[in-house]
Amino acid sequence: MVSLSVSHDRHDESLEAKARWFQSLSIEERMELLCEFTDLMLALNPDIARRKDAQPVEGRVLVLTAE
């Protein structure tokens, strides 16, 4: 049985812990999260769907293009 509790341990916030949590979700749960994030993005910036020619920004974001 999974223990449902709140953790205040910084170790639980590591990228590895987040990846383990995400991998524990079913495909349906992952897709629901994707839809929720997309809805949030569109609510905050409705014009983003109409933008074309995305440009890379400095940092950890990589823009991929199909050629």
N, C-alpha and C. Protein backbone atom coordinates (compact mmCIF):
# COMPACT_ATOMS: atom_id res chain seq x y z
N MET A 1 0.84 -1.18 0.00
CA MET A 1 0.00 0.00 0.00
C MET A 1 0.89 1.24 0.00
N VAL A 2 0.52 2.23 -0.78
CA VAL A 2 1.30 3.46 -0.90
C VAL A 2 0.95 4.38 0.26
N SER A 3 1.97 4.93 0.88
CA SER A 3 1.76 5.86 1.98
C SER A 3 1.54 7.27 1.42
N LEU A 4 0.39 7.85 1.71
CA LEU A 4 0.10 9.20 1.26
C LEU A 4 0.44 10.17 2.39
N SER A 5 1.52 10.90 2.21
CA SER A 5 1.94 11.85 3.23
C SER A 5 2.70 12.99 2.58
N VAL A 6 2.88 14.03 3.32
CA VAL A 6 3.63 15.19 2.86
C VAL A 6 5.06 15.05 3.36
N SER A 7 5.99 15.25 2.46
CA SER A 7 7.40 15.18 2.84
C SER A 7 8.01 16.57 2.79
N HIS A 8 8.85 16.86 3.74
CA HIS A 8 9.56 18.13 3.77
C HIS A 8 11.06 17.92 3.55
N ASP A 9 11.39 16.77 3.01
CA ASP A 9 12.77 16.41 2.75
C ASP A 9 13.18 16.93 1.38
N ARG A 10 14.25 17.73 1.31
CA ARG A 10 14.72 18.28 0.04
C ARG A 10 15.12 17.18 -0.93
N HIS A 11 15.55 16.03 -0.41
CA HIS A 11 15.94 14.91 -1.27
C HIS A 11 14.76 14.45 -2.11
N ASP A 12 13.56 14.58 -1.60
CA ASP A 12 12.37 14.17 -2.35
C ASP A 12 12.07 15.12 -3.50
N GLU A 13 12.76 16.25 -3.57
CA GLU A 13 12.55 17.22 -4.64
C GLU A 13 13.60 17.11 -5.74
N SER A 14 14.44 16.11 -5.68
CA SER A 14 15.48 15.95 -6.68
C SER A 14 14.86 15.59 -8.03
N LEU A 15 15.61 15.81 -9.10
CA LEU A 15 15.13 15.43 -10.43
C LEU A 15 14.85 13.93 -10.50
N GLU A 16 15.69 13.14 -9.83
CA GLU A 16 15.49 11.70 -9.84
C GLU A 16 14.18 11.32 -9.15
N ALA A 17 13.88 11.98 -8.02
CA ALA A 17 12.63 11.69 -7.31
C ALA A 17 11.43 12.10 -8.14
N LYS A 18 11.54 13.24 -8.82
CA LYS A 18 10.44 13.68 -9.67
C LYS A 18 10.25 12.72 -10.84
N ALA A 19 11.35 12.24 -11.41
CA ALA A 19 11.27 11.28 -12.52
C ALA A 19 10.63 9.98 -12.05
N ARG A 20 11.01 9.51 -10.85
CA ARG A 20 10.40 8.29 -10.31
C ARG A 20 8.90 8.48 -10.12
N TRP A 21 8.49 9.65 -9.61
CA TRP A 21 7.08 9.93 -9.41
C TRP A 21 6.35 9.91 -10.76
N PHE A 22 6.91 10.60 -11.76
CA PHE A 22 6.27 10.66 -13.07
C PHE A 22 6.16 9.27 -13.69
N GLN A 23 7.21 8.47 -13.55
CA GLN A 23 7.20 7.12 -14.11
C GLN A 23 6.19 6.23 -13.41
N SER A 24 5.82 6.58 -12.18
CA SER A 24 4.84 5.77 -11.44
C SER A 24 3.41 6.02 -11.93
N LEU A 25 3.21 7.07 -12.72
CA LEU A 25 1.88 7.39 -13.22
C LEU A 25 1.52 6.49 -14.40
N SER A 26 0.24 6.23 -14.56
CA SER A 26 -0.22 5.48 -15.73
C SER A 26 -0.16 6.40 -16.95
N ILE A 27 -0.28 5.82 -18.13
CA ILE A 27 -0.31 6.62 -19.36
C ILE A 27 -1.46 7.61 -19.32
N GLU A 28 -2.60 7.17 -18.82
CA GLU A 28 -3.76 8.05 -18.73
C GLU A 28 -3.49 9.24 -17.81
N GLU A 29 -2.82 8.99 -16.69
CA GLU A 29 -2.49 10.07 -15.75
C GLU A 29 -1.47 11.03 -16.36
N ARG A 30 -0.51 10.48 -17.10
CA ARG A 30 0.48 11.35 -17.76
C ARG A 30 -0.18 12.24 -18.80
N MET A 31 -1.09 11.67 -19.57
CA MET A 31 -1.78 12.45 -20.60
C MET A 31 -2.68 13.51 -19.96
N GLU A 32 -3.31 13.18 -18.84
CA GLU A 32 -4.13 14.16 -18.13
C GLU A 32 -3.27 15.34 -17.67
N LEU A 33 -2.07 15.05 -17.15
CA LEU A 33 -1.15 16.12 -16.75
C LEU A 33 -0.75 16.97 -17.95
N LEU A 34 -0.45 16.33 -19.07
CA LEU A 34 -0.09 17.07 -20.28
C LEU A 34 -1.23 18.01 -20.68
N CYS A 35 -2.46 17.52 -20.64
CA CYS A 35 -3.61 18.36 -20.99
C CYS A 35 -3.78 19.51 -20.01
N GLU A 36 -3.58 19.23 -18.72
CA GLU A 36 -3.70 20.29 -17.72
C GLU A 36 -2.62 21.36 -17.90
N PHE A 37 -1.38 20.94 -18.18
CA PHE A 37 -0.31 21.91 -18.41
C PHE A 37 -0.59 22.73 -19.66
N THR A 38 -1.11 22.08 -20.71
CA THR A 38 -1.43 22.79 -21.94
C THR A 38 -2.54 23.80 -21.70
N ASP A 39 -3.57 23.40 -20.97
CA ASP A 39 -4.66 24.32 -20.63
C ASP A 39 -4.15 25.51 -19.83
N LEU A 40 -3.26 25.25 -18.88
CA LEU A 40 -2.68 26.32 -18.07
C LEU A 40 -1.88 27.28 -18.94
N MET A 41 -1.05 26.74 -19.82
CA MET A 41 -0.24 27.57 -20.71
C MET A 41 -1.12 28.45 -21.60
N LEU A 42 -2.18 27.85 -22.15
CA LEU A 42 -3.07 28.61 -23.01
C LEU A 42 -3.88 29.65 -22.24
N ALA A 43 -4.21 29.35 -20.99
CA ALA A 43 -4.94 30.32 -20.16
C ALA A 43 -4.05 31.53 -19.83
N LEU A 44 -2.77 31.27 -19.60
CA LEU A 44 -1.85 32.35 -19.26
C LEU A 44 -1.40 33.14 -20.48
N ASN A 45 -1.34 32.47 -21.64
CA ASN A 45 -0.85 33.13 -22.86
C ASN A 45 -1.62 32.59 -24.06
N PRO A 46 -2.86 33.08 -24.28
CA PRO A 46 -3.69 32.53 -25.35
C PRO A 46 -3.09 32.69 -26.75
N ASP A 47 -2.23 33.65 -26.96
CA ASP A 47 -1.65 33.88 -28.29
C ASP A 47 -0.54 32.89 -28.63
N ILE A 48 -0.11 32.10 -27.69
CA ILE A 48 1.03 31.22 -27.93
C ILE A 48 0.74 30.19 -29.02
N ALA A 49 -0.51 29.79 -29.16
CA ALA A 49 -0.85 28.79 -30.19
C ALA A 49 -0.71 29.36 -31.60
N ARG A 50 -0.78 30.68 -31.73
CA ARG A 50 -0.69 31.31 -33.06
C ARG A 50 0.74 31.74 -33.41
N ARG A 51 1.65 31.61 -32.47
CA ARG A 51 3.03 32.03 -32.74
C ARG A 51 3.74 31.02 -33.63
N LYS A 52 4.55 31.53 -34.53
CA LYS A 52 5.33 30.67 -35.42
C LYS A 52 6.80 31.05 -35.30
N ASP A 53 7.63 30.20 -35.84
CA ASP A 53 9.07 30.46 -35.87
C ASP A 53 9.63 30.72 -34.47
N ALA A 54 9.43 29.78 -33.58
CA ALA A 54 9.98 29.90 -32.23
C ALA A 54 11.49 30.04 -32.29
N GLN A 55 12.02 30.87 -31.45
CA GLN A 55 13.45 31.10 -31.39
C GLN A 55 14.00 30.52 -30.09
N PRO A 56 15.22 29.97 -30.12
CA PRO A 56 15.80 29.42 -28.89
C PRO A 56 16.09 30.54 -27.89
N VAL A 57 15.99 30.20 -26.62
CA VAL A 57 16.33 31.13 -25.55
C VAL A 57 17.52 30.56 -24.80
N GLU A 58 18.25 31.43 -24.16
CA GLU A 58 19.40 30.96 -23.41
C GLU A 58 18.94 30.16 -22.20
N GLY A 59 19.69 29.14 -21.85
CA GLY A 59 19.33 28.32 -20.71
C GLY A 59 19.18 26.88 -21.11
N ARG A 60 18.24 26.20 -20.47
CA ARG A 60 18.10 24.76 -20.66
C ARG A 60 17.01 24.40 -21.66
N VAL A 61 16.49 25.36 -22.38
CA VAL A 61 15.42 25.09 -23.34
C VAL A 61 16.03 24.90 -24.73
N LEU A 62 15.63 23.85 -25.42
CA LEU A 62 16.13 23.58 -26.76
C LEU A 62 14.95 23.55 -27.71
N VAL A 63 14.98 24.34 -28.77
CA VAL A 63 13.91 24.36 -29.76
C VAL A 63 14.31 23.45 -30.90
N LEU A 64 13.47 22.46 -31.18
CA LEU A 64 13.72 21.51 -32.27
C LEU A 64 12.86 21.88 -33.45
N THR A 65 13.42 21.74 -34.64
CA THR A 65 12.65 22.04 -35.85
C THR A 65 12.70 20.83 -36.77
N ALA A 66 11.62 20.63 -37.52
CA ALA A 66 11.57 19.56 -38.51
C ALA A 66 12.03 20.12 -39.84
N GLU A 67 12.89 19.42 -40.49
CA GLU A 67 13.39 19.89 -41.78
C GLU A 67 13.04 18.92 -42.86
